[in-house]
Amino acid sequence: MAACEDGGGAPRLIAPPERHWSRSAVLHWLIAQRGTPTLIGFDFSFSAPFVARGAHLPGETDTRSARDLWAYVDAHSADPDLGAAEFIAARRGRHFYLGAADGRKADYLHWRACEIAHDGTTKPSTVFDAIGAAQVAKASFAGMRLLHRLDRQVPVWPFDRVPLSGAVVVEIYTAIAARAAGLRKGRSKLRDADALDRALAALGCAPHAPLARYDDHATDALLSAAWLRANASRADLWSPPALHPDIARTEGWTFGIA
């Protein structure tokens, strides 16, 4: 987790309450920020595709909104710390692809409207592809449990209106921040101080304080925080032309896709 204050200062990492951030600790931190004017971005999919097939999990759910899906996932998940690995494993071969035994991977590749709208192509993975380093399934369905536990204590865009004050949560895609900072596709992971400072400078930030370790998790968080600050006031990102009410209710949208 990283944060950027107003102005041009560099983003900083937020120290966890214990050795590492747990999902429960992130949830508690998030609720504590609800009265502070903060744009909070999470890098996971806030919903499953709905518009193209008329259901989030066809043949299983009758959820009509993303919030309904969050509640469904939470009610059917027993993993500790708001995890969703068992939820996915119990539905492998039906909704989720976890390997060749599940059939053709192509049969599981379904995307949300915003994922297709992103630069005319799809993202490299979907919430139904649950295998490999690039998969987003486990993080996304676990994240839906976290969003459900917010229980409207913090608005989540675009399911809620942007508040006049206080915090608001949005979905982000770290590759968008990387492209905005001038990093080329396939080379968007920053693993040294100089590369991070060059990327931050492209977003109007001062050099960062040295890190104990440079890994993708830390540098993605820092760069994304800087990008959120630089783009928070862009009206076009809050009102994408393709974001009609049905999509906003059932699938949501990635902040940064106009």
Protein backbone atom coordinates (compact mmCIF):
# COMPACT_ATOMS: atom_id res chain seq x y z
CA MET A 1 0.00 0.00 0.00
CA ALA A 2 1.20 3.48 -0.86
CA ALA A 3 -0.10 7.01 -0.48
CA CYS A 4 0.43 10.40 -2.14
CA GLU A 5 -0.34 13.64 -0.36
CA ASP A 6 -1.47 16.82 -2.13
CA GLY A 7 1.25 18.64 -4.04
CA GLY A 8 4.25 17.27 -5.90
CA GLY A 9 5.89 15.17 -3.22
CA ALA A 10 6.78 11.55 -3.83
CA PRO A 11 4.45 8.74 -2.80
CA ARG A 12 5.36 6.69 0.27
CA LEU A 13 4.67 3.17 1.39
CA ILE A 14 2.21 2.73 4.27
CA ALA A 15 3.62 0.44 6.93
CA PRO A 16 1.39 -2.52 7.87
CA PRO A 17 0.19 -2.89 11.46
CA GLU A 18 2.04 -6.22 11.61
CA ARG A 19 4.71 -7.78 9.41
CA HIS A 20 2.51 -7.89 6.32
CA TRP A 21 -0.80 -6.41 5.25
CA SER A 22 -3.69 -8.83 5.65
CA ARG A 23 -6.98 -8.25 3.86
CA SER A 24 -8.68 -7.71 7.20
CA ALA A 25 -6.10 -5.09 8.16
CA VAL A 26 -6.60 -3.33 4.81
CA LEU A 27 -10.37 -3.33 5.44
CA HIS A 28 -9.93 -1.77 8.88
CA TRP A 29 -7.51 0.84 7.49
CA LEU A 30 -9.95 1.65 4.71
CA ILE A 31 -12.88 2.20 7.08
CA ALA A 32 -10.69 4.44 9.23
CA GLN A 33 -10.10 6.71 6.20
CA ARG A 34 -13.79 7.17 5.39
CA GLY A 35 -13.91 10.78 6.60
CA THR A 36 -10.64 11.80 4.92
CA PRO A 37 -10.74 13.11 1.33
CA THR A 38 -8.88 10.22 -0.29
CA LEU A 39 -9.02 8.52 -3.68
CA ILE A 40 -8.27 4.85 -2.98
CA GLY A 41 -7.44 2.48 -5.82
CA PHE A 42 -7.46 -1.33 -5.71
CA ASP A 43 -5.87 -3.43 -8.43
CA PHE A 44 -8.43 -6.21 -8.80
CA SER A 45 -11.66 -6.66 -10.75
CA PHE A 46 -14.65 -5.38 -8.77
CA SER A 47 -17.11 -7.70 -10.51
CA ALA A 48 -17.43 -10.59 -12.93
CA PRO A 49 -18.70 -10.07 -16.50
CA PHE A 50 -22.48 -9.73 -16.67
CA VAL A 51 -23.62 -7.75 -19.70
CA ALA A 52 -22.48 -10.20 -22.40
CA ARG A 53 -24.14 -13.27 -20.85
CA GLY A 54 -26.83 -11.85 -18.57
CA ALA A 55 -25.39 -13.42 -15.41
CA HIS A 56 -22.27 -13.21 -13.29
CA LEU A 57 -21.97 -17.00 -12.91
CA PRO A 58 -24.38 -18.41 -15.52
CA GLY A 59 -26.48 -21.31 -14.28
CA GLU A 60 -25.62 -20.53 -10.66
CA THR A 61 -26.34 -16.94 -9.69
CA ASP A 62 -29.38 -14.73 -10.16
CA THR A 63 -27.47 -11.67 -8.93
CA ARG A 64 -28.55 -8.49 -10.70
CA SER A 65 -25.87 -6.14 -9.40
CA ALA A 66 -22.22 -6.28 -8.46
CA ARG A 67 -23.21 -5.74 -4.83
CA ASP A 68 -25.41 -8.83 -5.03
CA LEU A 69 -22.41 -10.77 -6.35
CA TRP A 70 -20.19 -9.52 -3.51
CA ALA A 71 -22.73 -10.76 -0.98
CA TYR A 72 -23.04 -14.11 -2.77
CA VAL A 73 -19.28 -14.67 -2.85
CA ASP A 74 -18.92 -13.72 0.80
CA ALA A 75 -21.80 -16.00 1.87
CA HIS A 76 -20.28 -18.96 -0.01
CA SER A 77 -16.66 -18.47 1.07
CA ALA A 78 -15.04 -19.98 4.15
CA ASP A 79 -11.40 -19.04 3.49
CA PRO A 80 -9.67 -17.13 6.31
CA ASP A 81 -8.79 -13.46 5.96
CA LEU A 82 -11.47 -12.83 3.32
CA GLY A 83 -9.88 -15.24 0.87
CA ALA A 84 -11.74 -16.89 -2.01
CA ALA A 85 -9.49 -19.75 -3.13
CA GLU A 86 -11.97 -22.41 -2.01
CA PHE A 87 -14.85 -20.56 -3.71
CA ILE A 88 -12.96 -20.78 -6.99
CA ALA A 89 -11.72 -24.35 -6.53
CA ALA A 90 -15.27 -25.57 -5.84
CA ARG A 91 -16.33 -24.17 -9.23
CA ARG A 92 -13.38 -25.22 -11.38
CA GLY A 93 -14.45 -26.67 -14.70
CA ARG A 94 -17.81 -24.93 -14.41
CA HIS A 95 -16.90 -21.28 -14.16
CA PHE A 96 -13.14 -21.23 -13.56
CA TYR A 97 -10.19 -22.60 -15.48
CA LEU A 98 -7.42 -24.07 -13.34
CA GLY A 99 -5.76 -26.40 -15.84
CA ALA A 100 -6.06 -28.69 -18.84
CA ALA A 101 -8.42 -31.05 -17.00
CA ASP A 102 -11.07 -28.30 -17.18
CA GLY A 103 -11.26 -28.39 -20.97
CA ARG A 104 -10.47 -25.63 -23.46
CA LYS A 105 -9.20 -22.48 -21.82
CA ALA A 106 -10.88 -20.42 -24.55
CA ASP A 107 -14.28 -21.48 -23.20
CA TYR A 108 -13.61 -19.57 -19.98
CA LEU A 109 -12.43 -16.30 -21.48
CA HIS A 110 -15.17 -13.76 -20.83
CA TRP A 111 -14.54 -10.08 -20.20
CA ARG A 112 -16.34 -7.09 -18.76
CA ALA A 113 -17.21 -4.12 -20.96
CA CYS A 114 -14.43 -1.98 -19.50
CA GLU A 115 -11.84 -4.68 -20.09
CA ILE A 116 -12.76 -4.85 -23.77
CA ALA A 117 -12.85 -1.05 -24.02
CA HIS A 118 -9.28 -0.71 -22.74
CA ASP A 119 -7.21 0.42 -25.78
CA GLY A 120 -9.33 -1.74 -28.08
CA THR A 121 -8.08 -5.06 -26.70
CA THR A 122 -8.78 -7.27 -23.72
CA LYS A 123 -6.70 -7.56 -20.61
CA PRO A 124 -4.31 -10.52 -20.57
CA SER A 125 -6.46 -12.34 -18.03
CA THR A 126 -10.07 -12.55 -16.86
CA VAL A 127 -11.64 -13.33 -13.51
CA PHE A 128 -12.44 -16.83 -14.80
CA ASP A 129 -8.83 -17.72 -15.61
CA ALA A 130 -7.42 -18.88 -12.28
CA ILE A 131 -4.07 -20.32 -13.30
CA GLY A 132 -0.63 -18.77 -13.80
CA ALA A 133 1.21 -15.73 -12.53
CA ALA A 134 -0.99 -13.30 -14.47
CA GLN A 135 -4.29 -14.62 -13.12
CA VAL A 136 -6.53 -12.16 -11.30
CA ALA A 137 -9.31 -14.54 -10.21
CA LYS A 138 -8.28 -15.19 -6.62
CA ALA A 139 -7.46 -11.57 -5.83
CA SER A 140 -10.65 -10.34 -7.47
CA PHE A 141 -13.11 -12.65 -5.73
CA ALA A 142 -11.31 -12.11 -2.41
CA GLY A 143 -11.53 -8.38 -3.09
CA MET A 144 -15.28 -8.70 -3.62
CA ARG A 145 -15.56 -10.06 -0.09
CA LEU A 146 -13.67 -7.00 1.17
CA LEU A 147 -15.97 -4.66 -0.78
CA HIS A 148 -19.00 -6.43 0.67
CA ARG A 149 -17.66 -5.94 4.21
CA LEU A 150 -17.36 -2.20 3.60
CA ASP A 151 -21.18 -2.23 3.81
CA ARG A 152 -21.45 1.24 2.20
CA GLN A 153 -19.21 2.75 4.86
CA VAL A 154 -16.96 3.99 2.05
CA PRO A 155 -18.44 4.74 -1.41
CA VAL A 156 -17.24 2.52 -4.26
CA TRP A 157 -17.33 4.08 -7.74
CA PRO A 158 -19.21 3.66 -10.05
CA PHE A 159 -21.67 1.67 -7.93
CA ASP A 160 -22.00 4.73 -5.66
CA ARG A 161 -21.92 8.40 -6.48
CA VAL A 162 -18.67 10.21 -5.84
CA PRO A 163 -19.10 11.89 -2.44
CA LEU A 164 -18.71 15.60 -1.86
CA SER A 165 -16.28 14.81 0.95
CA GLY A 166 -14.49 11.84 2.45
CA ALA A 167 -12.94 8.79 0.80
CA VAL A 168 -13.99 6.96 -2.36
CA VAL A 169 -12.76 3.61 -3.70
CA VAL A 170 -12.07 2.89 -7.38
CA GLU A 171 -10.77 -0.04 -9.36
CA ILE A 172 -7.40 0.56 -11.02
CA TYR A 173 -5.21 -1.29 -13.50
CA THR A 174 -1.53 -0.69 -12.77
CA ALA A 175 -0.58 -0.99 -16.44
CA ILE A 176 -2.50 2.23 -17.13
CA ALA A 177 -0.30 4.08 -14.64
CA ALA A 178 2.79 2.51 -16.18
CA ARG A 179 1.83 3.59 -19.71
CA ALA A 180 1.12 7.12 -18.46
CA ALA A 181 4.60 7.22 -16.94
CA GLY A 182 6.16 6.31 -20.29
CA LEU A 183 6.84 2.64 -19.62
CA ARG A 184 6.45 0.37 -22.62
CA LYS A 185 4.15 -2.65 -22.74
CA GLY A 186 5.98 -5.69 -21.42
CA ARG A 187 8.48 -3.52 -19.54
CA SER A 188 6.26 -1.90 -16.96
CA LYS A 189 7.75 -3.54 -13.86
CA LEU A 190 10.14 -1.28 -11.95
CA ARG A 191 12.87 -2.97 -9.98
CA ASP A 192 15.41 -0.24 -9.16
CA ALA A 193 15.45 3.24 -7.68
CA ASP A 194 16.48 5.15 -10.82
CA ALA A 195 13.75 3.61 -12.98
CA LEU A 196 11.15 4.38 -10.31
CA ASP A 197 12.27 8.00 -10.02
CA ARG A 198 12.13 8.48 -13.81
CA ALA A 199 8.58 7.11 -13.87
CA LEU A 200 7.53 9.28 -10.93
CA ALA A 201 9.06 12.37 -12.57
CA ALA A 202 6.91 11.73 -15.65
CA LEU A 203 3.88 12.02 -13.34
CA GLY A 204 5.13 15.23 -11.72
CA CYS A 205 6.54 13.68 -8.55
CA ALA A 206 9.69 14.37 -6.59
CA PRO A 207 12.22 11.52 -6.12
CA HIS A 208 11.13 8.85 -3.67
CA ALA A 209 12.73 7.93 -0.36
CA PRO A 210 14.91 4.81 -0.81
CA LEU A 211 13.20 1.47 -0.25
CA ALA A 212 14.62 -1.48 1.63
CA ARG A 213 13.62 -3.68 -1.29
CA TYR A 214 12.49 -2.95 -4.84
CA ASP A 215 9.85 -5.40 -5.98
CA ASP A 216 6.81 -5.20 -8.25
CA HIS A 217 4.38 -4.94 -5.35
CA ALA A 218 6.02 -1.86 -3.83
CA THR A 219 6.81 -0.02 -7.06
CA ASP A 220 3.38 -0.72 -8.57
CA ALA A 221 1.74 0.71 -5.46
CA LEU A 222 3.94 3.82 -5.45
CA LEU A 223 3.50 4.53 -9.16
CA SER A 224 -0.26 3.93 -9.00
CA ALA A 225 -0.63 6.31 -6.05
CA ALA A 226 1.21 8.99 -8.00
CA TRP A 227 -0.97 8.38 -11.07
CA LEU A 228 -4.17 8.60 -9.02
CA ARG A 229 -3.12 11.96 -7.62
CA ALA A 230 -2.25 13.26 -11.08
CA ASN A 231 -5.58 12.16 -12.59
CA ALA A 232 -8.10 12.48 -9.75
CA SER A 233 -9.58 15.70 -11.17
CA ARG A 234 -10.01 14.50 -14.77
CA ALA A 235 -13.72 14.73 -15.51
CA ASP A 236 -13.47 12.36 -18.49
CA LEU A 237 -12.27 9.51 -16.29
CA TRP A 238 -15.26 9.90 -13.97
CA SER A 239 -17.74 9.95 -16.87
CA PRO A 240 -16.61 7.52 -19.59
CA PRO A 241 -19.03 7.63 -22.57
CA ALA A 242 -19.43 3.83 -22.61
CA LEU A 243 -20.30 3.59 -18.91
CA HIS A 244 -24.08 3.33 -19.04
CA PRO A 245 -26.15 2.60 -15.89
CA ASP A 246 -26.52 -1.15 -16.53
CA ILE A 247 -22.75 -1.57 -16.73
CA ALA A 248 -22.22 0.64 -13.70
CA ARG A 249 -24.63 -1.47 -11.64
CA THR A 250 -23.60 -4.96 -12.74
CA GLU A 251 -19.94 -4.80 -13.78
CA GLY A 252 -18.41 -1.55 -12.66
CA TRP A 253 -15.55 0.16 -14.47
CA THR A 254 -11.80 0.62 -14.23
CA PHE A 255 -10.82 4.20 -13.36
CA GLY A 256 -8.56 5.43 -16.13
CA ILE A 257 -10.42 3.89 -19.07
CA ALA A 258 -12.15 6.72 -20.90
